[in-house]
Every structure is written in structure tokens, then in C-alpha cells.
Amino acid sequence: MTFTPGAAYVLGPITSEKEIAESCFQNKFWPQYYAAKHALPYIAKEGSIVLMSGAASQRPISGVASYAACNGAIESLGKALAIELAPIRVNVVSPGTIRTEKDRKEAYEAYEGMTLLKRVGDVNEIAHSVIYLMTNSYTTGTTLFTDGGYVLQ
């Protein structure tokens, strides 16, 4: 089984410099693409790959066009690989904002107001989603939105 985590990237509007516009693809999309490619010889037929996108693929905010596009590309990659690699299962987890050790109080407070559950997610909730997708032998080509209802607001 292969699980690919998120990455560091820089957000910016469509007018951003090339390095900012491409940072999400360089640091989030391509590493997951190549991780799946190079792990493939080691994955059993009944194995699983789980990619990580982000809720901005479905509900972007202003100023994050390349970030939203990158997450959408990861979700499309998951579907394409589910078809191409079957019977190996390929799925995507699309988390919302998740509380980490990094101090992001302002971002957490803003996100809480944008979700149905009125709170930020926890890393254990994302881990649970990944484990579910890695172990459910009848789920493939799916994006699981573990976002507290962010995409529904």
C-alpha cells in the first residue's frame, strides 16, 4: 500500500510569479504522481494507493487558482490511475484545514466559520480516512472529502 502526504506550497493569485503559480504542482502533484509510478512494481494486485488533494478543488477561495487546479488535478489523477492500474485500488483524500503543531490561529478561526461542523479537523481524522480507503477492498476511484462539510457551505 502507498500513501502520499500533502506538501508545502505557496498560494497566490493568477498574477503571481511563475514560481508561486507552479509551487503546488511542483511540491504536491508531481511528487504524488512519481511516488505512485515508482511504487507500482512493489504493490500487490490487491494493494492500494491513496493520494492527498484538498477541499479547494471543489470550493476555492479568491487568490488560489493554481492551488485549486492542482488539487483538482490530483483528484483526476486518482480516477485515471484507478482505471489504469485496476485491480490495484486508487483513491484520494481531500481534507479541509487540519490542526497541526504549526500556529495558524487566524486560518483555523476563519475555517471554522466555513464548515458545517464549525471546527477544524484533526490529523487523526485524516489518518482514519486514509486507513479506510487503504483497507476497504471495494472502493476505488473515489475522492473522500474529510472537510467538516466545507464543500457544502
N, C-alpha and C. Protein backbone atom coordinates (compact mmCIF):
# COMPACT_ATOMS: atom_id res chain seq x y z
N MET A 1 0.83 -1.18 0.00
CA MET A 1 0.00 0.00 0.00
C MET A 1 0.88 1.24 0.00
N THR A 2 0.42 2.26 -0.67
CA THR A 2 1.15 3.51 -0.75
C THR A 2 0.25 4.65 -0.34
N PHE A 3 0.75 5.49 0.53
CA PHE A 3 0.03 6.69 0.95
C PHE A 3 0.93 7.88 0.67
N THR A 4 0.38 8.91 0.03
CA THR A 4 1.19 10.08 -0.28
C THR A 4 0.65 11.29 0.46
N PRO A 5 1.46 11.91 1.31
CA PRO A 5 1.00 13.06 2.09
C PRO A 5 1.01 14.35 1.29
N GLY A 6 0.42 15.39 1.88
CA GLY A 6 0.43 16.72 1.28
C GLY A 6 1.83 17.30 1.31
N ALA A 7 1.96 18.56 0.91
CA ALA A 7 3.28 19.16 0.79
C ALA A 7 3.22 20.66 1.06
N ALA A 8 4.39 21.27 1.06
CA ALA A 8 4.49 22.72 1.23
C ALA A 8 4.38 23.41 -0.12
N TYR A 9 3.68 24.51 -0.16
CA TYR A 9 3.49 25.26 -1.40
C TYR A 9 3.17 26.70 -1.02
N VAL A 10 3.20 27.57 -2.01
CA VAL A 10 2.91 28.98 -1.80
C VAL A 10 1.63 29.33 -2.54
N LEU A 11 0.74 30.06 -1.87
CA LEU A 11 -0.51 30.47 -2.51
C LEU A 11 -0.36 31.87 -3.10
N GLY A 12 -1.11 32.11 -4.16
CA GLY A 12 -1.08 33.43 -4.75
C GLY A 12 -2.11 33.55 -5.86
N PRO A 13 -2.46 34.78 -6.23
CA PRO A 13 -3.45 35.00 -7.28
C PRO A 13 -2.89 34.67 -8.67
N ILE A 14 -3.73 34.74 -9.67
CA ILE A 14 -3.36 34.44 -11.05
C ILE A 14 -2.22 35.34 -11.54
N THR A 15 -2.04 36.48 -10.94
CA THR A 15 -0.99 37.41 -11.34
C THR A 15 0.36 37.09 -10.69
N SER A 16 0.43 36.04 -9.90
CA SER A 16 1.67 35.66 -9.20
C SER A 16 2.76 35.28 -10.18
N GLU A 17 3.98 35.36 -9.70
CA GLU A 17 5.14 34.92 -10.48
C GLU A 17 5.05 33.42 -10.74
N LYS A 18 5.77 32.97 -11.75
CA LYS A 18 5.77 31.58 -12.17
C LYS A 18 6.07 30.62 -11.01
N GLU A 19 7.05 30.94 -10.18
CA GLU A 19 7.45 30.06 -9.07
C GLU A 19 6.30 29.84 -8.09
N ILE A 20 5.54 30.88 -7.82
CA ILE A 20 4.40 30.74 -6.91
C ILE A 20 3.30 29.95 -7.59
N ALA A 21 3.01 30.27 -8.84
CA ALA A 21 1.94 29.59 -9.57
C ALA A 21 2.21 28.09 -9.70
N GLU A 22 3.47 27.73 -9.87
CA GLU A 22 3.82 26.32 -10.08
C GLU A 22 4.15 25.57 -8.80
N SER A 23 4.24 26.25 -7.67
CA SER A 23 4.72 25.60 -6.45
C SER A 23 3.85 24.43 -6.01
N CYS A 24 2.55 24.54 -6.12
CA CYS A 24 1.68 23.44 -5.70
C CYS A 24 1.89 22.21 -6.59
N PHE A 25 1.99 22.44 -7.89
CA PHE A 25 2.23 21.31 -8.80
C PHE A 25 3.60 20.69 -8.54
N GLN A 26 4.62 21.53 -8.36
CA GLN A 26 5.97 21.03 -8.12
C GLN A 26 6.10 20.29 -6.78
N ASN A 27 5.38 20.76 -5.77
CA ASN A 27 5.57 20.21 -4.43
C ASN A 27 4.45 19.30 -3.94
N LYS A 28 3.36 19.22 -4.69
CA LYS A 28 2.23 18.38 -4.25
C LYS A 28 1.78 17.40 -5.34
N PHE A 29 1.57 17.88 -6.56
CA PHE A 29 1.09 17.00 -7.63
C PHE A 29 2.17 16.03 -8.11
N TRP A 30 3.28 16.59 -8.61
CA TRP A 30 4.31 15.73 -9.21
C TRP A 30 4.92 14.73 -8.22
N PRO A 31 5.19 15.09 -6.98
CA PRO A 31 5.72 14.08 -6.05
C PRO A 31 4.76 12.89 -5.87
N GLN A 32 3.45 13.15 -5.82
CA GLN A 32 2.50 12.04 -5.67
C GLN A 32 2.44 11.21 -6.95
N TYR A 33 2.48 11.87 -8.08
CA TYR A 33 2.50 11.17 -9.38
C TYR A 33 3.69 10.20 -9.44
N TYR A 34 4.87 10.73 -9.13
CA TYR A 34 6.07 9.89 -9.22
C TYR A 34 6.15 8.86 -8.09
N ALA A 35 5.61 9.16 -6.93
CA ALA A 35 5.57 8.16 -5.86
C ALA A 35 4.73 6.96 -6.30
N ALA A 36 3.57 7.22 -6.91
CA ALA A 36 2.73 6.12 -7.40
C ALA A 36 3.45 5.36 -8.51
N LYS A 37 4.05 6.08 -9.43
CA LYS A 37 4.75 5.44 -10.55
C LYS A 37 5.86 4.51 -10.06
N HIS A 38 6.69 5.00 -9.14
CA HIS A 38 7.84 4.22 -8.70
C HIS A 38 7.49 3.16 -7.66
N ALA A 39 6.35 3.30 -7.00
CA ALA A 39 5.92 2.28 -6.04
C ALA A 39 5.23 1.12 -6.74
N LEU A 40 4.73 1.36 -7.92
CA LEU A 40 3.91 0.38 -8.64
C LEU A 40 4.51 -1.03 -8.70
N PRO A 41 5.78 -1.20 -8.99
CA PRO A 41 6.33 -2.57 -9.04
C PRO A 41 6.26 -3.32 -7.70
N TYR A 42 6.07 -2.60 -6.61
CA TYR A 42 6.08 -3.19 -5.28
C TYR A 42 4.69 -3.36 -4.68
N ILE A 43 3.67 -2.96 -5.41
CA ILE A 43 2.30 -3.02 -4.89
C ILE A 43 1.62 -4.28 -5.39
N ALA A 44 1.05 -5.05 -4.48
CA ALA A 44 0.33 -6.28 -4.83
C ALA A 44 -0.94 -5.95 -5.62
N LYS A 45 -1.45 -6.93 -6.36
CA LYS A 45 -2.68 -6.72 -7.15
C LYS A 45 -3.84 -6.27 -6.29
N GLU A 46 -3.88 -6.71 -5.05
CA GLU A 46 -4.96 -6.30 -4.14
C GLU A 46 -4.56 -5.08 -3.31
N GLY A 47 -3.51 -4.40 -3.72
CA GLY A 47 -2.99 -3.26 -3.00
C GLY A 47 -3.78 -1.98 -3.24
N SER A 48 -3.27 -0.90 -2.65
CA SER A 48 -3.99 0.36 -2.66
C SER A 48 -3.02 1.54 -2.67
N ILE A 49 -3.43 2.59 -3.36
CA ILE A 49 -2.72 3.87 -3.35
C ILE A 49 -3.71 4.92 -2.89
N VAL A 50 -3.30 5.78 -1.96
CA VAL A 50 -4.14 6.89 -1.52
C VAL A 50 -3.37 8.19 -1.74
N LEU A 51 -3.94 9.06 -2.55
CA LEU A 51 -3.38 10.38 -2.82
C LEU A 51 -4.05 11.42 -1.92
N MET A 52 -3.43 12.59 -1.80
CA MET A 52 -3.99 13.67 -0.99
C MET A 52 -4.20 14.90 -1.86
N SER A 53 -5.44 15.40 -1.87
CA SER A 53 -5.73 16.65 -2.56
C SER A 53 -6.10 17.68 -1.50
N GLY A 54 -7.12 18.46 -1.73
CA GLY A 54 -7.57 19.45 -0.76
C GLY A 54 -8.92 20.00 -1.17
N ALA A 55 -9.70 20.43 -0.21
CA ALA A 55 -11.07 20.85 -0.45
C ALA A 55 -11.19 22.04 -1.40
N ALA A 56 -10.11 22.77 -1.61
CA ALA A 56 -10.15 23.90 -2.54
C ALA A 56 -10.40 23.45 -3.97
N SER A 57 -10.26 22.17 -4.24
CA SER A 57 -10.57 21.65 -5.58
C SER A 57 -12.04 21.85 -5.90
N GLN A 58 -12.89 21.80 -4.87
CA GLN A 58 -14.33 21.91 -5.05
C GLN A 58 -14.88 23.26 -4.62
N ARG A 59 -14.18 23.91 -3.70
CA ARG A 59 -14.64 25.21 -3.20
C ARG A 59 -13.45 26.15 -2.99
N PRO A 60 -12.89 26.66 -4.09
CA PRO A 60 -11.74 27.54 -3.95
C PRO A 60 -12.14 28.90 -3.39
N ILE A 61 -11.19 29.56 -2.80
CA ILE A 61 -11.39 30.94 -2.37
C ILE A 61 -10.60 31.84 -3.32
N SER A 62 -10.83 33.10 -3.27
CA SER A 62 -10.16 34.05 -4.14
C SER A 62 -8.65 34.01 -3.93
N GLY A 63 -7.91 34.07 -5.02
CA GLY A 63 -6.46 34.17 -4.95
C GLY A 63 -5.71 32.87 -4.90
N VAL A 64 -6.37 31.74 -5.17
CA VAL A 64 -5.68 30.45 -5.09
C VAL A 64 -5.94 29.58 -6.32
N ALA A 65 -5.98 30.18 -7.49
CA ALA A 65 -6.34 29.45 -8.71
C ALA A 65 -5.43 28.26 -8.97
N SER A 66 -4.12 28.43 -8.89
CA SER A 66 -3.23 27.30 -9.19
C SER A 66 -3.33 26.22 -8.13
N TYR A 67 -3.53 26.61 -6.87
CA TYR A 67 -3.71 25.64 -5.78
C TYR A 67 -4.99 24.82 -5.99
N ALA A 68 -6.08 25.48 -6.33
CA ALA A 68 -7.34 24.78 -6.59
C ALA A 68 -7.19 23.84 -7.78
N ALA A 69 -6.53 24.31 -8.83
CA ALA A 69 -6.32 23.49 -10.03
C ALA A 69 -5.45 22.28 -9.72
N CYS A 70 -4.44 22.46 -8.90
CA CYS A 70 -3.56 21.36 -8.52
C CYS A 70 -4.34 20.27 -7.78
N ASN A 71 -5.18 20.68 -6.84
CA ASN A 71 -5.97 19.70 -6.10
C ASN A 71 -6.96 18.98 -7.02
N GLY A 72 -7.56 19.71 -7.95
CA GLY A 72 -8.43 19.08 -8.93
C GLY A 72 -7.67 18.09 -9.80
N ALA A 73 -6.44 18.44 -10.15
CA ALA A 73 -5.61 17.55 -10.96
C ALA A 73 -5.29 16.26 -10.20
N ILE A 74 -5.06 16.37 -8.90
CA ILE A 74 -4.77 15.18 -8.09
C ILE A 74 -6.00 14.28 -8.05
N GLU A 75 -7.18 14.86 -7.92
CA GLU A 75 -8.41 14.06 -7.91
C GLU A 75 -8.62 13.38 -9.26
N SER A 76 -8.34 14.06 -10.34
CA SER A 76 -8.44 13.45 -11.67
C SER A 76 -7.38 12.36 -11.84
N LEU A 77 -6.19 12.59 -11.32
CA LEU A 77 -5.14 11.57 -11.36
C LEU A 77 -5.61 10.32 -10.64
N GLY A 78 -6.26 10.49 -9.50
CA GLY A 78 -6.76 9.32 -8.76
C GLY A 78 -7.74 8.50 -9.58
N LYS A 79 -8.66 9.16 -10.26
CA LYS A 79 -9.62 8.44 -11.11
C LYS A 79 -8.92 7.75 -12.27
N ALA A 80 -8.00 8.47 -12.92
CA ALA A 80 -7.29 7.90 -14.07
C ALA A 80 -6.46 6.69 -13.66
N LEU A 81 -5.77 6.79 -12.52
CA LEU A 81 -4.96 5.66 -12.06
C LEU A 81 -5.82 4.50 -11.61
N ALA A 82 -7.01 4.77 -11.06
CA ALA A 82 -7.91 3.67 -10.67
C ALA A 82 -8.26 2.85 -11.90
N ILE A 83 -8.48 3.50 -13.02
CA ILE A 83 -8.79 2.79 -14.26
C ILE A 83 -7.55 2.09 -14.80
N GLU A 84 -6.45 2.81 -14.86
CA GLU A 84 -5.22 2.29 -15.47
C GLU A 84 -4.59 1.15 -14.66
N LEU A 85 -4.66 1.22 -13.35
CA LEU A 85 -3.94 0.26 -12.51
C LEU A 85 -4.81 -0.86 -11.95
N ALA A 86 -6.11 -0.86 -12.23
CA ALA A 86 -7.00 -1.90 -11.69
C ALA A 86 -6.41 -3.28 -11.98
N PRO A 87 -6.44 -4.16 -10.99
CA PRO A 87 -7.24 -4.18 -9.78
C PRO A 87 -6.61 -3.47 -8.57
N ILE A 88 -5.44 -2.86 -8.73
CA ILE A 88 -4.92 -2.03 -7.64
C ILE A 88 -5.91 -0.88 -7.45
N ARG A 89 -6.28 -0.60 -6.21
CA ARG A 89 -7.25 0.45 -5.93
C ARG A 89 -6.53 1.77 -5.72
N VAL A 90 -7.10 2.84 -6.29
CA VAL A 90 -6.53 4.18 -6.13
C VAL A 90 -7.64 5.12 -5.71
N ASN A 91 -7.42 5.82 -4.61
CA ASN A 91 -8.40 6.77 -4.07
C ASN A 91 -7.68 8.04 -3.63
N VAL A 92 -8.48 9.04 -3.29
CA VAL A 92 -7.95 10.34 -2.88
C VAL A 92 -8.66 10.79 -1.60
N VAL A 93 -7.90 11.33 -0.67
CA VAL A 93 -8.47 12.01 0.49
C VAL A 93 -8.34 13.52 0.23
N SER A 94 -9.45 14.22 0.41
CA SER A 94 -9.46 15.67 0.21
C SER A 94 -9.82 16.34 1.53
N PRO A 95 -8.80 16.63 2.34
CA PRO A 95 -9.09 17.24 3.64
C PRO A 95 -9.32 18.74 3.53
N GLY A 96 -9.99 19.25 4.52
CA GLY A 96 -10.07 20.70 4.69
C GLY A 96 -8.89 21.12 5.54
N THR A 97 -9.01 22.24 6.22
CA THR A 97 -7.95 22.71 7.10
C THR A 97 -7.86 21.79 8.31
N ILE A 98 -6.64 21.36 8.61
CA ILE A 98 -6.40 20.41 9.69
C ILE A 98 -5.45 21.04 10.70
N ARG A 99 -5.82 20.90 11.97
CA ARG A 99 -4.99 21.47 13.05
C ARG A 99 -3.70 20.66 13.16
N THR A 100 -2.59 21.37 13.11
CA THR A 100 -1.28 20.75 13.26
C THR A 100 -0.52 21.50 14.36
N GLU A 101 0.74 21.17 14.52
CA GLU A 101 1.57 21.84 15.52
C GLU A 101 1.89 23.27 15.11
N LYS A 102 1.74 23.57 13.83
CA LYS A 102 2.01 24.92 13.32
C LYS A 102 0.94 25.88 13.83
N ASP A 103 1.34 27.02 14.33
CA ASP A 103 0.40 28.01 14.85
C ASP A 103 -0.23 28.79 13.70
N ARG A 104 -1.50 28.52 13.42
CA ARG A 104 -2.23 29.17 12.35
C ARG A 104 -3.60 29.62 12.87
N LYS A 105 -3.60 30.26 14.02
CA LYS A 105 -4.84 30.63 14.71
C LYS A 105 -5.82 31.35 13.79
N GLU A 106 -5.37 32.33 13.04
CA GLU A 106 -6.25 33.10 12.17
C GLU A 106 -6.89 32.21 11.10
N ALA A 107 -6.10 31.33 10.50
CA ALA A 107 -6.63 30.41 9.47
C ALA A 107 -7.63 29.43 10.08
N TYR A 108 -7.32 28.93 11.27
CA TYR A 108 -8.23 27.99 11.94
C TYR A 108 -9.57 28.67 12.25
N GLU A 109 -9.53 29.87 12.77
CA GLU A 109 -10.77 30.57 13.11
C GLU A 109 -11.60 30.87 11.87
N ALA A 110 -10.96 31.26 10.80
CA ALA A 110 -11.68 31.53 9.54
C ALA A 110 -12.32 30.26 9.01
N TYR A 111 -11.59 29.15 9.05
CA TYR A 111 -12.10 27.89 8.52
C TYR A 111 -13.30 27.38 9.33
N GLU A 112 -13.24 27.54 10.63
CA GLU A 112 -14.35 27.09 11.48
C GLU A 112 -15.67 27.69 11.03
N GLY A 113 -15.64 28.94 10.61
CA GLY A 113 -16.85 29.60 10.15
C GLY A 113 -17.31 29.16 8.77
N MET A 114 -16.48 28.41 8.07
CA MET A 114 -16.81 27.98 6.71
C MET A 114 -17.25 26.52 6.63
N THR A 115 -17.38 25.84 7.77
CA THR A 115 -17.74 24.42 7.75
C THR A 115 -19.07 24.17 8.43
N LEU A 116 -19.70 23.09 8.07
CA LEU A 116 -20.95 22.70 8.72
C LEU A 116 -20.71 22.30 10.17
N LEU A 117 -19.57 21.69 10.45
CA LEU A 117 -19.27 21.23 11.81
C LEU A 117 -18.67 22.31 12.70
N LYS A 118 -18.37 23.48 12.12
CA LYS A 118 -17.87 24.65 12.86
C LYS A 118 -16.60 24.36 13.65
N ARG A 119 -15.72 23.56 13.03
CA ARG A 119 -14.43 23.29 13.68
C ARG A 119 -13.40 22.86 12.64
N VAL A 120 -12.16 22.92 13.03
CA VAL A 120 -11.04 22.46 12.22
C VAL A 120 -10.87 20.97 12.47
N GLY A 121 -10.41 20.27 11.46
CA GLY A 121 -10.19 18.83 11.60
C GLY A 121 -8.93 18.50 12.38
N ASP A 122 -8.81 17.24 12.73
CA ASP A 122 -7.67 16.73 13.48
C ASP A 122 -6.92 15.72 12.60
N VAL A 123 -5.62 15.63 12.78
CA VAL A 123 -4.82 14.71 11.96
C VAL A 123 -5.30 13.26 12.09
N ASN A 124 -5.82 12.90 13.25
CA ASN A 124 -6.32 11.52 13.43
C ASN A 124 -7.54 11.25 12.57
N GLU A 125 -8.34 12.28 12.30
CA GLU A 125 -9.50 12.11 11.43
C GLU A 125 -9.06 11.86 9.99
N ILE A 126 -8.00 12.50 9.57
CA ILE A 126 -7.47 12.28 8.23
C ILE A 126 -6.84 10.89 8.16
N ALA A 127 -6.10 10.52 9.18
CA ALA A 127 -5.50 9.18 9.21
C ALA A 127 -6.57 8.10 9.12
N HIS A 128 -7.68 8.29 9.80
CA HIS A 128 -8.78 7.33 9.75
C HIS A 128 -9.31 7.21 8.32
N SER A 129 -9.43 8.33 7.62
CA SER A 129 -9.90 8.31 6.23
C SER A 129 -8.94 7.54 5.33
N VAL A 130 -7.65 7.77 5.53
CA VAL A 130 -6.64 7.06 4.73
C VAL A 130 -6.71 5.56 5.00
N ILE A 131 -6.80 5.19 6.26
CA ILE A 131 -6.87 3.76 6.60
C ILE A 131 -8.12 3.13 5.99
N TYR A 132 -9.24 3.82 6.07
CA TYR A 132 -10.47 3.31 5.44
C TYR A 132 -10.25 3.04 3.96
N LEU A 133 -9.70 4.02 3.25
CA LEU A 133 -9.52 3.85 1.80
C LEU A 133 -8.48 2.79 1.47
N MET A 134 -7.49 2.63 2.33
CA MET A 134 -6.47 1.62 2.07
C MET A 134 -6.97 0.20 2.36
N THR A 135 -7.93 0.08 3.23
CA THR A 135 -8.36 -1.26 3.64
C THR A 135 -9.70 -1.69 3.07
N ASN A 136 -10.52 -0.78 2.58
CA ASN A 136 -11.80 -1.16 2.00
C ASN A 136 -11.55 -1.71 0.61
N SER A 137 -11.72 -3.00 0.45
CA SER A 137 -11.34 -3.66 -0.80
C SER A 137 -12.33 -3.45 -1.94
N TYR A 138 -13.38 -2.68 -1.73
CA TYR A 138 -14.35 -2.45 -2.80
C TYR A 138 -14.50 -0.96 -3.14
N THR A 139 -13.54 -0.15 -2.72
CA THR A 139 -13.58 1.27 -3.01
C THR A 139 -12.39 1.64 -3.87
N THR A 140 -12.68 2.21 -5.04
CA THR A 140 -11.61 2.69 -5.92
C THR A 140 -12.13 3.85 -6.77
N GLY A 141 -11.22 4.75 -7.13
CA GLY A 141 -11.58 5.89 -7.95
C GLY A 141 -12.40 6.95 -7.23
N THR A 142 -12.35 6.93 -5.91
CA THR A 142 -13.18 7.81 -5.08
C THR A 142 -12.35 8.93 -4.45
N THR A 143 -12.96 10.09 -4.31
CA THR A 143 -12.38 11.16 -3.51
C THR A 143 -13.24 11.30 -2.26
N LEU A 144 -12.61 11.14 -1.11
CA LEU A 144 -13.29 11.24 0.18
C LEU A 144 -13.02 12.63 0.76
N PHE A 145 -14.07 13.43 0.90
CA PHE A 145 -13.94 14.78 1.42
C PHE A 145 -14.05 14.76 2.94
N THR A 146 -12.91 14.79 3.59
CA THR A 146 -12.83 14.83 5.05
C THR A 146 -12.58 16.29 5.43
N ASP A 147 -13.66 17.08 5.36
CA ASP A 147 -13.50 18.53 5.45
C ASP A 147 -14.48 19.21 6.39
N GLY A 148 -15.20 18.45 7.19
CA GLY A 148 -16.17 19.03 8.12
C GLY A 148 -17.35 19.69 7.45
N GLY A 149 -17.58 19.36 6.19
CA GLY A 149 -18.69 19.96 5.45
C GLY A 149 -18.33 21.25 4.74
N TYR A 150 -17.04 21.51 4.58
CA TYR A 150 -16.57 22.73 3.93
C TYR A 150 -17.13 22.88 2.51
N VAL A 151 -17.10 21.82 1.71
CA VAL A 151 -17.54 21.94 0.31
C VAL A 151 -19.05 22.11 0.20
N LEU A 152 -19.78 21.89 1.27
CA LEU A 152 -21.24 22.02 1.25
C LEU A 152 -21.73 23.39 1.68
N GLN A 153 -20.87 24.20 2.25
CA GLN A 153 -21.30 25.53 2.74
C GLN A 153 -21.39 26.51 1.58
